[in-house]
Amino acid sequence: MNKIEIATLAHLNEFAELFDQYRVFYRQESDVEKGRTFLKERISKEESVTFLIEAAGKFVGFAQLYPLFHYKALKRQWLLSDLFVDPDFRGQGLSIALIDRCKSYCDETDACGLLLETEKTNDIGNKLYPKCGFELDQDHNYYNWWKNS
């Protein structure tokens, strides 16, 4: 059984390294320090909840949740914003364990469920999420508005 912990500031260095790998996977420039600052703010301000999973004596993956509120259910809903497992540890069920922990957290926080978005090109995720009970919502378009920098 792999140990799963909620990320705290004590985990910041290991978490920042994993977070950087995740960002690079999504074609972002590597910047561990900038990521560490970002994560430190999220943890310090309690703006996200992150589960870290351990294998071989180190943290090798994470799932990061952000709070939303669902207008139909009139309850909190968690956005599963980020899910990552080090490529050397994939295929061992760690992503499924992290998702299961997120589902349990919904029960613990009386949330109505999880929402996630992934790129259409994310073959691994697009196979994984339906296996974990997620349903693809083909009825909605998601739009982004980005403030000019």
C-alpha atoms as a PDB file:
ATOM      1  CA  MET A   1       0.000   0.000   0.000  1.00  0.00           C
ATOM      2  CA  ASN A   2       1.389   3.370  -0.978  1.00  0.00           C
ATOM      3  CA  LYS A   3       1.293   6.157   1.578  1.00  0.00           C
ATOM      4  CA  ILE A   4      -0.688   9.267   0.598  1.00  0.00           C
ATOM      5  CA  GLU A   5      -0.268  12.518   2.526  1.00  0.00           C
ATOM      6  CA  ILE A   6      -1.690  16.010   2.290  1.00  0.00           C
ATOM      7  CA  ALA A   7       1.063  18.371   1.144  1.00  0.00           C
ATOM      8  CA  THR A   8       2.360  20.844   3.703  1.00  0.00           C
ATOM      9  CA  LEU A   9       5.193  23.352   3.627  1.00  0.00           C
ATOM     10  CA  ALA A  10       7.453  20.546   4.902  1.00  0.00           C
ATOM     11  CA  HIS A  11       6.924  18.799   1.531  1.00  0.00           C
ATOM     12  CA  LEU A  12       7.576  21.914  -0.541  1.00  0.00           C
ATOM     13  CA  ASN A  13      10.952  20.945  -2.063  1.00  0.00           C
ATOM     14  CA  GLU A  14       9.875  17.479  -3.207  1.00  0.00           C
ATOM     15  CA  PHE A  15       6.498  18.785  -4.344  1.00  0.00           C
ATOM     16  CA  ALA A  16       8.105  21.609  -6.354  1.00  0.00           C
ATOM     17  CA  GLU A  17      10.295  19.120  -8.250  1.00  0.00           C
ATOM     18  CA  LEU A  18       7.270  16.981  -9.163  1.00  0.00           C
ATOM     19  CA  PHE A  19       5.237  20.075 -10.073  1.00  0.00           C
ATOM     20  CA  ASP A  20       8.019  21.207 -12.398  1.00  0.00           C
ATOM     21  CA  GLN A  21       7.990  17.825 -14.178  1.00  0.00           C
ATOM     22  CA  TYR A  22       4.221  18.174 -14.550  1.00  0.00           C
ATOM     23  CA  ARG A  23       4.517  21.654 -16.057  1.00  0.00           C
ATOM     24  CA  VAL A  24       7.221  20.488 -18.483  1.00  0.00           C
ATOM     25  CA  PHE A  25       4.878  17.638 -19.544  1.00  0.00           C
ATOM     26  CA  TYR A  26       2.425  20.402 -20.542  1.00  0.00           C
ATOM     27  CA  ARG A  27       5.102  22.186 -22.596  1.00  0.00           C
ATOM     28  CA  GLN A  28       6.010  24.880 -20.052  1.00  0.00           C
ATOM     29  CA  GLU A  29       9.547  26.077 -19.387  1.00  0.00           C
ATOM     30  CA  SER A  30      11.197  24.417 -16.411  1.00  0.00           C
ATOM     31  CA  ASP A  31      11.296  26.803 -13.427  1.00  0.00           C
ATOM     32  CA  VAL A  32      11.409  24.991 -10.094  1.00  0.00           C
ATOM     33  CA  GLU A  33      11.779  28.208  -8.069  1.00  0.00           C
ATOM     34  CA  LYS A  34       8.770  29.893  -9.627  1.00  0.00           C
ATOM     35  CA  GLY A  35       6.743  26.716  -9.101  1.00  0.00           C
ATOM     36  CA  ARG A  36       7.912  26.489  -5.486  1.00  0.00           C
ATOM     37  CA  THR A  37       6.741  30.067  -4.859  1.00  0.00           C
ATOM     38  CA  PHE A  38       3.387  29.299  -6.469  1.00  0.00           C
ATOM     39  CA  LEU A  39       2.918  26.138  -4.387  1.00  0.00           C
ATOM     40  CA  LYS A  40       4.045  27.834  -1.175  1.00  0.00           C
ATOM     41  CA  GLU A  41       1.312  30.460  -1.676  1.00  0.00           C
ATOM     42  CA  ARG A  42      -1.361  27.833  -2.361  1.00  0.00           C
ATOM     43  CA  ILE A  43      -0.399  25.863   0.760  1.00  0.00           C
ATOM     44  CA  SER A  44       0.114  28.889   3.026  1.00  0.00           C
ATOM     45  CA  LYS A  45      -3.174  30.500   2.009  1.00  0.00           C
ATOM     46  CA  GLU A  46      -4.988  27.126   2.084  1.00  0.00           C
ATOM     47  CA  GLU A  47      -6.190  27.743  -1.479  1.00  0.00           C
ATOM     48  CA  SER A  48      -5.676  24.177  -2.625  1.00  0.00           C
ATOM     49  CA  VAL A  49      -5.456  20.681  -1.189  1.00  0.00           C
ATOM     50  CA  THR A  50      -2.792  18.418  -2.607  1.00  0.00           C
ATOM     51  CA  PHE A  51      -2.294  14.718  -2.045  1.00  0.00           C
ATOM     52  CA  LEU A  52       1.236  13.373  -2.471  1.00  0.00           C
ATOM     53  CA  ILE A  53       1.814   9.657  -3.053  1.00  0.00           C
ATOM     54  CA  GLU A  54       4.921   7.824  -1.941  1.00  0.00           C
ATOM     55  CA  ALA A  55       6.664   4.882  -3.605  1.00  0.00           C
ATOM     56  CA  ALA A  56      10.199   3.571  -3.155  1.00  0.00           C
ATOM     57  CA  GLY A  57      10.673   5.887  -0.160  1.00  0.00           C
ATOM     58  CA  LYS A  58       9.959   9.162  -1.955  1.00  0.00           C
ATOM     59  CA  PHE A  59       7.038  11.164  -3.280  1.00  0.00           C
ATOM     60  CA  VAL A  60       6.442  10.302  -6.927  1.00  0.00           C
ATOM     61  CA  GLY A  61       3.073  11.840  -7.735  1.00  0.00           C
ATOM     62  CA  PHE A  62       0.370  14.255  -6.704  1.00  0.00           C
ATOM     63  CA  ALA A  63      -3.222  15.328  -7.207  1.00  0.00           C
ATOM     64  CA  GLN A  64      -4.091  18.976  -6.569  1.00  0.00           C
ATOM     65  CA  LEU A  65      -7.640  20.118  -5.812  1.00  0.00           C
ATOM     66  CA  TYR A  66      -9.128  23.608  -5.884  1.00  0.00           C
ATOM     67  CA  PRO A  67     -12.546  24.453  -4.443  1.00  0.00           C
ATOM     68  CA  LEU A  68     -15.498  25.316  -6.673  1.00  0.00           C
ATOM     69  CA  PHE A  69     -19.195  25.507  -5.914  1.00  0.00           C
ATOM     70  CA  HIS A  70     -21.872  23.789  -7.981  1.00  0.00           C
ATOM     71  CA  TYR A  71     -25.042  25.766  -8.645  1.00  0.00           C
ATOM     72  CA  LYS A  72     -27.260  22.704  -9.153  1.00  0.00           C
ATOM     73  CA  ALA A  73     -26.088  20.675  -6.175  1.00  0.00           C
ATOM     74  CA  LEU A  74     -25.690  23.792  -3.994  1.00  0.00           C
ATOM     75  CA  LYS A  75     -22.519  22.262  -2.609  1.00  0.00           C
ATOM     76  CA  ARG A  76     -18.768  22.450  -2.886  1.00  0.00           C
ATOM     77  CA  GLN A  77     -17.258  20.666  -5.845  1.00  0.00           C
ATOM     78  CA  TRP A  78     -13.531  20.051  -6.184  1.00  0.00           C
ATOM     79  CA  LEU A  79     -11.611  20.855  -9.353  1.00  0.00           C
ATOM     80  CA  LEU A  80      -9.029  18.142  -9.897  1.00  0.00           C
ATOM     81  CA  SER A  81      -6.686  20.627 -11.480  1.00  0.00           C
ATOM     82  CA  ASP A  82      -3.446  18.695 -11.565  1.00  0.00           C
ATOM     83  CA  LEU A  83      -2.660  14.978 -11.537  1.00  0.00           C
ATOM     84  CA  PHE A  84       0.851  13.697 -12.134  1.00  0.00           C
ATOM     85  CA  VAL A  85       2.911  10.566 -11.551  1.00  0.00           C
ATOM     86  CA  ASP A  86       6.623  10.413 -12.324  1.00  0.00           C
ATOM     87  CA  PRO A  87       6.991   8.463 -15.606  1.00  0.00           C
ATOM     88  CA  ASP A  88       9.312   5.947 -13.891  1.00  0.00           C
ATOM     89  CA  PHE A  89       6.439   4.955 -11.577  1.00  0.00           C
ATOM     90  CA  ARG A  90       3.538   4.817 -14.025  1.00  0.00           C
ATOM     91  CA  GLY A  91       1.583   1.631 -14.579  1.00  0.00           C
ATOM     92  CA  GLN A  92       1.503   0.797 -10.852  1.00  0.00           C
ATOM     93  CA  GLY A  93      -1.971   2.150 -10.091  1.00  0.00           C
ATOM     94  CA  LEU A  94      -0.687   5.305  -8.379  1.00  0.00           C
ATOM     95  CA  SER A  95      -2.918   7.653 -10.384  1.00  0.00           C
ATOM     96  CA  ILE A  96      -5.943   5.536  -9.517  1.00  0.00           C
ATOM     97  CA  ALA A  97      -4.950   5.613  -5.836  1.00  0.00           C
ATOM     98  CA  LEU A  98      -4.661   9.402  -5.969  1.00  0.00           C
ATOM     99  CA  ILE A  99      -8.047   9.734  -7.678  1.00  0.00           C
ATOM    100  CA  ASP A 100      -9.613   7.408  -5.115  1.00  0.00           C
ATOM    101  CA  ARG A 101      -8.155   9.581  -2.344  1.00  0.00           C
ATOM    102  CA  CYS A 102      -9.678  12.662  -3.998  1.00  0.00           C
ATOM    103  CA  LYS A 103     -13.051  10.901  -4.122  1.00  0.00           C
ATOM    104  CA  SER A 104     -12.772  10.082  -0.411  1.00  0.00           C
ATOM    105  CA  TYR A 105     -11.956  13.722   0.242  1.00  0.00           C
ATOM    106  CA  CYS A 106     -15.241  14.661  -1.421  1.00  0.00           C
ATOM    107  CA  ASP A 107     -16.998  12.523   1.200  1.00  0.00           C
ATOM    108  CA  GLU A 108     -14.924  14.064   3.999  1.00  0.00           C
ATOM    109  CA  THR A 109     -15.790  17.612   2.898  1.00  0.00           C
ATOM    110  CA  ASP A 110     -19.417  16.930   1.898  1.00  0.00           C
ATOM    111  CA  ALA A 111     -18.635  17.905  -1.695  1.00  0.00           C
ATOM    112  CA  CYS A 112     -20.833  16.818  -4.588  1.00  0.00           C
ATOM    113  CA  GLY A 113     -17.955  15.516  -6.693  1.00  0.00           C
ATOM    114  CA  LEU A 114     -14.911  16.186  -8.818  1.00  0.00           C
ATOM    115  CA  LEU A 115     -14.527  18.122 -12.054  1.00  0.00           C
ATOM    116  CA  LEU A 116     -11.505  17.913 -14.296  1.00  0.00           C
ATOM    117  CA  GLU A 117     -10.331  19.011 -17.682  1.00  0.00           C
ATOM    118  CA  THR A 118      -7.544  17.560 -19.763  1.00  0.00           C
ATOM    119  CA  GLU A 119      -6.204  18.106 -23.225  1.00  0.00           C
ATOM    120  CA  LYS A 120      -7.677  15.991 -26.002  1.00  0.00           C
ATOM    121  CA  THR A 121      -4.136  14.850 -26.769  1.00  0.00           C
ATOM    122  CA  ASN A 122      -3.613  13.434 -23.248  1.00  0.00           C
ATOM    123  CA  ASP A 123      -4.081   9.793 -24.259  1.00  0.00           C
ATOM    124  CA  ILE A 124      -3.161   8.444 -20.816  1.00  0.00           C
ATOM    125  CA  GLY A 125      -5.631  10.683 -18.976  1.00  0.00           C
ATOM    126  CA  ASN A 126      -8.399  10.199 -21.518  1.00  0.00           C
ATOM    127  CA  LYS A 127      -8.191   6.440 -20.958  1.00  0.00           C
ATOM    128  CA  LEU A 128      -7.707   6.687 -17.190  1.00  0.00           C
ATOM    129  CA  TYR A 129     -10.565   9.000 -16.225  1.00  0.00           C
ATOM    130  CA  PRO A 130     -13.434   6.898 -17.640  1.00  0.00           C
ATOM    131  CA  LYS A 131     -11.906   3.828 -15.909  1.00  0.00           C
ATOM    132  CA  CYS A 132     -12.158   5.796 -12.649  1.00  0.00           C
ATOM    133  CA  GLY A 133     -15.836   6.592 -13.121  1.00  0.00           C
ATOM    134  CA  PHE A 134     -15.588  10.036 -14.736  1.00  0.00           C
ATOM    135  CA  GLU A 135     -18.058  10.824 -17.506  1.00  0.00           C
ATOM    136  CA  LEU A 136     -17.072  12.975 -20.469  1.00  0.00           C
ATOM    137  CA  ASP A 137     -19.348  16.017 -20.711  1.00  0.00           C
ATOM    138  CA  GLN A 138     -19.891  16.534 -24.418  1.00  0.00           C
ATOM    139  CA  ASP A 139     -22.682  19.084 -23.902  1.00  0.00           C
ATOM    140  CA  HIS A 140     -20.543  22.016 -22.816  1.00  0.00           C
ATOM    141  CA  ASN A 141     -17.893  24.190 -24.350  1.00  0.00           C
ATOM    142  CA  TYR A 142     -15.190  25.493 -22.037  1.00  0.00           C
ATOM    143  CA  TYR A 143     -13.821  28.918 -22.783  1.00  0.00           C
ATOM    144  CA  ASN A 144     -10.867  30.754 -21.279  1.00  0.00           C
ATOM    145  CA  TRP A 145     -10.335  34.468 -20.970  1.00  0.00           C
ATOM    146  CA  TRP A 146      -6.745  35.505 -20.354  1.00  0.00           C
ATOM    147  CA  LYS A 147      -5.833  38.942 -19.050  1.00  0.00           C
ATOM    148  CA  ASN A 148      -3.191  40.677 -21.156  1.00  0.00           C
ATOM    149  CA  SER A 149       0.150  40.461 -19.378  1.00  0.00           C
END
